[in-house]
Amino acid sequence: SITSQNHGFATDAEALPSHVEVTHLNLNDDTVEGIRSTQDPVFSVQYHPEAAPGPHDASYFFKEFADLIASTK
């Protein structure tokens, strides 16, 4: 997805621990837009997935979140 960017802060990919991987990059300036832990059930994005331009553009994100919640019950 291409999203508008209006961030005051950005994550430094080089400073991330080895168990955290970058999952999303901004196409304009390569800033980190998403990360995931490979050892903990944690992921994050720095945009609003519910505000995607199309009705299904971020559906994978919400499915992944629901699957994560179901697997940790």
PDB file of N, CA and C in Angstrom:
ATOM      1  N   SER A   1       0.829  -1.189   0.000  1.00  0.00           N
ATOM      2  CA  SER A   1       0.000   0.000   0.000  1.00  0.00           C
ATOM      3  C   SER A   1       0.870   1.247   0.000  1.00  0.00           C
ATOM      4  N   ILE A   2       0.385   2.294  -0.594  1.00  0.00           N
ATOM      5  CA  ILE A   2       1.026   3.595  -0.520  1.00  0.00           C
ATOM      6  C   ILE A   2       0.162   4.457   0.387  1.00  0.00           C
ATOM      7  N   THR A   3       0.772   5.038   1.396  1.00  0.00           N
ATOM      8  CA  THR A   3       0.037   5.853   2.354  1.00  0.00           C
ATOM      9  C   THR A   3       0.635   7.248   2.412  1.00  0.00           C
ATOM     10  N   SER A   4      -0.161   8.206   2.819  1.00  0.00           N
ATOM     11  CA  SER A   4       0.389   9.540   3.036  1.00  0.00           C
ATOM     12  C   SER A   4       1.221   9.508   4.310  1.00  0.00           C
ATOM     13  N   GLN A   5       2.245  10.332   4.361  1.00  0.00           N
ATOM     14  CA  GLN A   5       3.138  10.313   5.512  1.00  0.00           C
ATOM     15  C   GLN A   5       3.109  11.664   6.197  1.00  0.00           C
ATOM     16  N   ASN A   6       2.864  11.645   7.472  1.00  0.00           N
ATOM     17  CA  ASN A   6       2.847  12.858   8.268  1.00  0.00           C
ATOM     18  C   ASN A   6       3.372  12.514   9.655  1.00  0.00           C
ATOM     19  N   HIS A   7       4.583  11.990   9.718  1.00  0.00           N
ATOM     20  CA  HIS A   7       5.160  11.532  10.976  1.00  0.00           C
ATOM     21  C   HIS A   7       6.170  12.538  11.495  1.00  0.00           C
ATOM     22  N   GLY A   8       6.151  12.734  12.796  1.00  0.00           N
ATOM     23  CA  GLY A   8       7.158  13.560  13.419  1.00  0.00           C
ATOM     24  C   GLY A   8       8.370  12.747  13.830  1.00  0.00           C
ATOM     25  N   PHE A   9       8.201  11.425  13.906  1.00  0.00           N
ATOM     26  CA  PHE A   9       9.267  10.539  14.350  1.00  0.00           C
ATOM     27  C   PHE A   9       9.294   9.304  13.462  1.00  0.00           C
ATOM     28  N   ALA A  10      10.445   8.645  13.400  1.00  0.00           N
ATOM     29  CA  ALA A  10      10.575   7.409  12.627  1.00  0.00           C
ATOM     30  C   ALA A  10      11.474   6.441  13.384  1.00  0.00           C
ATOM     31  N   THR A  11      11.274   5.161  13.146  1.00  0.00           N
ATOM     32  CA  THR A  11      12.099   4.119  13.750  1.00  0.00           C
ATOM     33  C   THR A  11      13.373   3.948  12.938  1.00  0.00           C
ATOM     34  N   ASP A  12      14.489   3.839  13.619  1.00  0.00           N
ATOM     35  CA  ASP A  12      15.773   3.598  12.969  1.00  0.00           C
ATOM     36  C   ASP A  12      15.942   2.088  12.804  1.00  0.00           C
ATOM     37  N   ALA A  13      15.865   1.598  11.589  1.00  0.00           N
ATOM     38  CA  ALA A  13      15.952   0.156  11.333  1.00  0.00           C
ATOM     39  C   ALA A  13      17.259  -0.439  11.837  1.00  0.00           C
ATOM     40  N   GLU A  14      18.328   0.324  11.771  1.00  0.00           N
ATOM     41  CA  GLU A  14      19.636  -0.169  12.220  1.00  0.00           C
ATOM     42  C   GLU A  14      19.690  -0.352  13.735  1.00  0.00           C
ATOM     43  N   ALA A  15      18.825   0.322  14.467  1.00  0.00           N
ATOM     44  CA  ALA A  15      18.834   0.253  15.930  1.00  0.00           C
ATOM     45  C   ALA A  15      17.911  -0.831  16.485  1.00  0.00           C
ATOM     46  N   LEU A  16      17.189  -1.519  15.618  1.00  0.00           N
ATOM     47  CA  LEU A  16      16.263  -2.553  16.088  1.00  0.00           C
ATOM     48  C   LEU A  16      17.025  -3.770  16.602  1.00  0.00           C
ATOM     49  N   PRO A  17      16.505  -4.426  17.641  1.00  0.00           N
ATOM     50  CA  PRO A  17      17.132  -5.668  18.108  1.00  0.00           C
ATOM     51  C   PRO A  17      17.077  -6.737  17.009  1.00  0.00           C
ATOM     52  N   SER A  18      17.908  -7.732  17.120  1.00  0.00           N
ATOM     53  CA  SER A  18      17.986  -8.762  16.073  1.00  0.00           C
ATOM     54  C   SER A  18      16.694  -9.559  15.929  1.00  0.00           C
ATOM     55  N   HIS A  19      15.867  -9.612  16.974  1.00  0.00           N
ATOM     56  CA  HIS A  19      14.617 -10.374  16.891  1.00  0.00           C
ATOM     57  C   HIS A  19      13.445  -9.544  16.351  1.00  0.00           C
ATOM     58  N   VAL A  20      13.711  -8.322  15.930  1.00  0.00           N
ATOM     59  CA  VAL A  20      12.669  -7.472  15.346  1.00  0.00           C
ATOM     60  C   VAL A  20      13.013  -7.236  13.881  1.00  0.00           C
ATOM     61  N   GLU A  21      12.044  -7.530  13.014  1.00  0.00           N
ATOM     62  CA  GLU A  21      12.266  -7.354  11.580  1.00  0.00           C
ATOM     63  C   GLU A  21      11.353  -6.267  11.023  1.00  0.00           C
ATOM     64  N   VAL A  22      11.838  -5.589  10.019  1.00  0.00           N
ATOM     65  CA  VAL A  22      11.056  -4.567   9.335  1.00  0.00           C
ATOM     66  C   VAL A  22      10.107  -5.266   8.369  1.00  0.00           C
ATOM     67  N   THR A  23       8.826  -4.903   8.419  1.00  0.00           N
ATOM     68  CA  THR A  23       7.825  -5.508   7.538  1.00  0.00           C
ATOM     69  C   THR A  23       7.276  -4.538   6.500  1.00  0.00           C
ATOM     70  N   HIS A  24       7.363  -3.243   6.777  1.00  0.00           N
ATOM     71  CA  HIS A  24       6.835  -2.229   5.868  1.00  0.00           C
ATOM     72  C   HIS A  24       7.825  -1.070   5.786  1.00  0.00           C
ATOM     73  N   LEU A  25       8.081  -0.611   4.565  1.00  0.00           N
ATOM     74  CA  LEU A  25       8.923   0.561   4.338  1.00  0.00           C
ATOM     75  C   LEU A  25       8.150   1.588   3.525  1.00  0.00           C
ATOM     76  N   ASN A  26       8.374   2.854   3.814  1.00  0.00           N
ATOM     77  CA  ASN A  26       7.779   3.917   3.033  1.00  0.00           C
ATOM     78  C   ASN A  26       8.471   3.965   1.673  1.00  0.00           C
ATOM     79  N   LEU A  27       7.705   3.983   0.610  1.00  0.00           N
ATOM     80  CA  LEU A  27       8.269   3.969  -0.740  1.00  0.00           C
ATOM     81  C   LEU A  27       8.962   5.274  -1.111  1.00  0.00           C
ATOM     82  N   ASN A  28       8.614   6.352  -0.445  1.00  0.00           N
ATOM     83  CA  ASN A  28       9.204   7.653  -0.781  1.00  0.00           C
ATOM     84  C   ASN A  28      10.576   7.861  -0.161  1.00  0.00           C
ATOM     85  N   ASP A  29      10.744   7.461   1.102  1.00  0.00           N
ATOM     86  CA  ASP A  29      12.006   7.765   1.776  1.00  0.00           C
ATOM     87  C   ASP A  29      12.595   6.589   2.553  1.00  0.00           C
ATOM     88  N   ASP A  30      12.039   5.405   2.379  1.00  0.00           N
ATOM     89  CA  ASP A  30      12.530   4.187   3.037  1.00  0.00           C
ATOM     90  C   ASP A  30      12.475   4.232   4.561  1.00  0.00           C
ATOM     91  N   THR A  31      11.632   5.085   5.139  1.00  0.00           N
ATOM     92  CA  THR A  31      11.471   5.047   6.591  1.00  0.00           C
ATOM     93  C   THR A  31      10.654   3.817   6.967  1.00  0.00           C
ATOM     94  N   VAL A  32      10.882   3.331   8.166  1.00  0.00           N
ATOM     95  CA  VAL A  32      10.196   2.134   8.655  1.00  0.00           C
ATOM     96  C   VAL A  32       8.732   2.471   8.923  1.00  0.00           C
ATOM     97  N   GLU A  33       7.838   1.678   8.362  1.00  0.00           N
ATOM     98  CA  GLU A  33       6.399   1.845   8.565  1.00  0.00           C
ATOM     99  C   GLU A  33       5.787   0.657   9.300  1.00  0.00           C
ATOM    100  N   GLY A  34       6.544  -0.439   9.459  1.00  0.00           N
ATOM    101  CA  GLY A  34       6.020  -1.597  10.177  1.00  0.00           C
ATOM    102  C   GLY A  34       7.131  -2.498  10.665  1.00  0.00           C
ATOM    103  N   ILE A  35       6.896  -3.127  11.824  1.00  0.00           N
ATOM    104  CA  ILE A  35       7.862  -4.065  12.404  1.00  0.00           C
ATOM    105  C   ILE A  35       7.132  -5.267  12.979  1.00  0.00           C
ATOM    106  N   ARG A  36       7.897  -6.347  13.198  1.00  0.00           N
ATOM    107  CA  ARG A  36       7.365  -7.579  13.780  1.00  0.00           C
ATOM    108  C   ARG A  36       8.476  -8.230  14.595  1.00  0.00           C
ATOM    109  N   SER A  37       8.085  -8.792  15.739  1.00  0.00           N
ATOM    110  CA  SER A  37       9.031  -9.556  16.548  1.00  0.00           C
ATOM    111  C   SER A  37       9.019 -11.000  16.077  1.00  0.00           C
ATOM    112  N   THR A  38      10.191 -11.606  16.008  1.00  0.00           N
ATOM    113  CA  THR A  38      10.272 -13.020  15.638  1.00  0.00           C
ATOM    114  C   THR A  38      10.239 -13.923  16.863  1.00  0.00           C
ATOM    115  N   GLN A  39      10.258 -13.341  18.068  1.00  0.00           N
ATOM    116  CA  GLN A  39      10.216 -14.171  19.273  1.00  0.00           C
ATOM    117  C   GLN A  39       9.001 -13.902  20.149  1.00  0.00           C
ATOM    118  N   ASP A  40       8.311 -12.810  19.934  1.00  0.00           N
ATOM    119  CA  ASP A  40       7.122 -12.475  20.717  1.00  0.00           C
ATOM    120  C   ASP A  40       5.945 -12.237  19.779  1.00  0.00           C
ATOM    121  N   PRO A  41       4.714 -12.428  20.256  1.00  0.00           N
ATOM    122  CA  PRO A  41       3.537 -12.204  19.408  1.00  0.00           C
ATOM    123  C   PRO A  41       3.202 -10.713  19.306  1.00  0.00           C
ATOM    124  N   VAL A  42       4.076  -9.974  18.628  1.00  0.00           N
ATOM    125  CA  VAL A  42       3.945  -8.520  18.563  1.00  0.00           C
ATOM    126  C   VAL A  42       4.237  -8.031  17.149  1.00  0.00           C
ATOM    127  N   PHE A  43       3.412  -7.120  16.654  1.00  0.00           N
ATOM    128  CA  PHE A  43       3.712  -6.416  15.411  1.00  0.00           C
ATOM    129  C   PHE A  43       3.062  -5.042  15.465  1.00  0.00           C
ATOM    130  N   SER A  44       3.549  -4.142  14.630  1.00  0.00           N
ATOM    131  CA  SER A  44       3.055  -2.773  14.660  1.00  0.00           C
ATOM    132  C   SER A  44       3.256  -2.113  13.303  1.00  0.00           C
ATOM    133  N   VAL A  45       2.394  -1.158  13.004  1.00  0.00           N
ATOM    134  CA  VAL A  45       2.576  -0.328  11.812  1.00  0.00           C
ATOM    135  C   VAL A  45       2.435   1.135  12.203  1.00  0.00           C
ATOM    136  N   GLN A  46       3.081   2.001  11.451  1.00  0.00           N
ATOM    137  CA  GLN A  46       3.013   3.432  11.715  1.00  0.00           C
ATOM    138  C   GLN A  46       2.188   4.103  10.625  1.00  0.00           C
ATOM    139  N   TYR A  47       0.970   3.668  10.525  1.00  0.00           N
ATOM    140  CA  TYR A  47      -0.018   4.284   9.646  1.00  0.00           C
ATOM    141  C   TYR A  47      -1.371   3.803  10.127  1.00  0.00           C
ATOM    142  N   HIS A  48      -2.427   4.250   9.522  1.00  0.00           N
ATOM    143  CA  HIS A  48      -3.775   3.867   9.937  1.00  0.00           C
ATOM    144  C   HIS A  48      -4.325   2.824   8.970  1.00  0.00           C
ATOM    145  N   PRO A  49      -4.237   1.529   9.309  1.00  0.00           N
ATOM    146  CA  PRO A  49      -4.713   0.502   8.375  1.00  0.00           C
ATOM    147  C   PRO A  49      -6.217   0.591   8.110  1.00  0.00           C
ATOM    148  N   GLU A  50      -6.965   1.132   9.054  1.00  0.00           N
ATOM    149  CA  GLU A  50      -8.410   1.252   8.849  1.00  0.00           C
ATOM    150  C   GLU A  50      -8.746   2.360   7.853  1.00  0.00           C
ATOM    151  N   ALA A  51      -7.777   3.201   7.513  1.00  0.00           N
ATOM    152  CA  ALA A  51      -8.013   4.316   6.601  1.00  0.00           C
ATOM    153  C   ALA A  51      -7.444   4.045   5.210  1.00  0.00           C
ATOM    154  N   ALA A  52      -7.230   2.780   4.865  1.00  0.00           N
ATOM    155  CA  ALA A  52      -6.675   2.424   3.559  1.00  0.00           C
ATOM    156  C   ALA A  52      -7.616   2.898   2.452  1.00  0.00           C
ATOM    157  N   PRO A  53      -7.077   3.186   1.274  1.00  0.00           N
ATOM    158  CA  PRO A  53      -7.897   3.704   0.191  1.00  0.00           C
ATOM    159  C   PRO A  53      -8.963   2.741  -0.320  1.00  0.00           C
ATOM    160  N   GLY A  54      -8.727   1.448  -0.216  1.00  0.00           N
ATOM    161  CA  GLY A  54      -9.704   0.475  -0.692  1.00  0.00           C
ATOM    162  C   GLY A  54     -10.271  -0.338   0.457  1.00  0.00           C
ATOM    163  N   PRO A  55     -11.424  -0.962   0.257  1.00  0.00           N
ATOM    164  CA  PRO A  55     -12.081  -1.681   1.354  1.00  0.00           C
ATOM    165  C   PRO A  55     -11.337  -2.929   1.822  1.00  0.00           C
ATOM    166  N   HIS A  56     -10.427  -3.457   1.021  1.00  0.00           N
ATOM    167  CA  HIS A  56      -9.739  -4.696   1.400  1.00  0.00           C
ATOM    168  C   HIS A  56      -8.220  -4.532   1.483  1.00  0.00           C
ATOM    169  N   ASP A  57      -7.726  -3.317   1.320  1.00  0.00           N
ATOM    170  CA  ASP A  57      -6.279  -3.087   1.283  1.00  0.00           C
ATOM    171  C   ASP A  57      -5.565  -3.513   2.555  1.00  0.00           C
ATOM    172  N   ALA A  58      -6.218  -3.383   3.700  1.00  0.00           N
ATOM    173  CA  ALA A  58      -5.582  -3.734   4.968  1.00  0.00           C
ATOM    174  C   ALA A  58      -6.238  -4.944   5.630  1.00  0.00           C
ATOM    175  N   SER A  59      -7.059  -5.670   4.909  1.00  0.00           N
ATOM    176  CA  SER A  59      -7.760  -6.807   5.524  1.00  0.00           C
ATOM    177  C   SER A  59      -6.785  -7.859   6.045  1.00  0.00           C
ATOM    178  N   TYR A  60      -5.642  -8.027   5.379  1.00  0.00           N
ATOM    179  CA  TYR A  60      -4.640  -8.982   5.857  1.00  0.00           C
ATOM    180  C   TYR A  60      -4.161  -8.602   7.253  1.00  0.00           C
ATOM    181  N   PHE A  61      -4.046  -7.307   7.518  1.00  0.00           N
ATOM    182  CA  PHE A  61      -3.549  -6.823   8.803  1.00  0.00           C
ATOM    183  C   PHE A  61      -4.517  -7.183   9.933  1.00  0.00           C
ATOM    184  N   PHE A  62      -5.799  -6.965   9.710  1.00  0.00           N
ATOM    185  CA  PHE A  62      -6.795  -7.276  10.732  1.00  0.00           C
ATOM    186  C   PHE A  62      -6.958  -8.780  10.916  1.00  0.00           C
ATOM    187  N   LYS A  63      -6.827  -9.552   9.840  1.00  0.00           N
ATOM    188  CA  LYS A  63      -6.878 -11.012   9.960  1.00  0.00           C
ATOM    189  C   LYS A  63      -5.691 -11.507  10.773  1.00  0.00           C
ATOM    190  N   GLU A  64      -4.505 -10.975  10.496  1.00  0.00           N
ATOM    191  CA  GLU A  64      -3.314 -11.369  11.242  1.00  0.00           C
ATOM    192  C   GLU A  64      -3.475 -11.044  12.730  1.00  0.00           C
ATOM    193  N   PHE A  65      -4.060  -9.885  13.031  1.00  0.00           N
ATOM    194  CA  PHE A  65      -4.292  -9.498  14.421  1.00  0.00           C
ATOM    195  C   PHE A  65      -5.283 -10.454  15.088  1.00  0.00           C
ATOM    196  N   ALA A  66      -6.389 -10.761  14.419  1.00  0.00           N
ATOM    197  CA  ALA A  66      -7.387 -11.677  14.977  1.00  0.00           C
ATOM    198  C   ALA A  66      -6.798 -13.069  15.177  1.00  0.00           C
ATOM    199  N   ASP A  67      -6.001 -13.543  14.228  1.00  0.00           N
ATOM    200  CA  ASP A  67      -5.349 -14.850  14.365  1.00  0.00           C
ATOM    201  C   ASP A  67      -4.381 -14.858  15.542  1.00  0.00           C
ATOM    202  N   LEU A  68      -3.664 -13.769  15.732  1.00  0.00           N
ATOM    203  CA  LEU A  68      -2.725 -13.662  16.849  1.00  0.00           C
ATOM    204  C   LEU A  68      -3.466 -13.711  18.184  1.00  0.00           C
ATOM    205  N   ILE A  69      -4.558 -12.998  18.290  1.00  0.00           N
ATOM    206  CA  ILE A  69      -5.356 -13.008  19.521  1.00  0.00           C
ATOM    207  C   ILE A  69      -5.902 -14.409  19.782  1.00  0.00           C
ATOM    208  N   ALA A  70      -6.434 -15.054  18.757  1.00  0.00           N
ATOM    209  CA  ALA A  70      -6.995 -16.401  18.918  1.00  0.00           C
ATOM    210  C   ALA A  70      -5.932 -17.410  19.337  1.00  0.00           C
ATOM    211  N   SER A  71      -4.718 -17.247  18.844  1.00  0.00           N
ATOM    212  CA  SER A  71      -3.666 -18.220  19.153  1.00  0.00           C
ATOM    213  C   SER A  71      -3.072 -18.034  20.545  1.00  0.00           C
ATOM    214  N   THR A  72      -3.307 -16.903  21.175  1.00  0.00           N
ATOM    215  CA  THR A  72      -2.727 -16.657  22.500  1.00  0.00           C
ATOM    216  C   THR A  72      -3.734 -16.803  23.624  1.00  0.00           C
ATOM    217  N   LYS A  73      -4.943 -17.226  23.323  1.00  0.00           N
ATOM    218  CA  LYS A  73      -5.960 -17.433  24.368  1.00  0.00           C
ATOM    219  C   LYS A  73      -5.605 -18.616  25.231  1.00  0.00           C
TER     220      LYS A  73
END
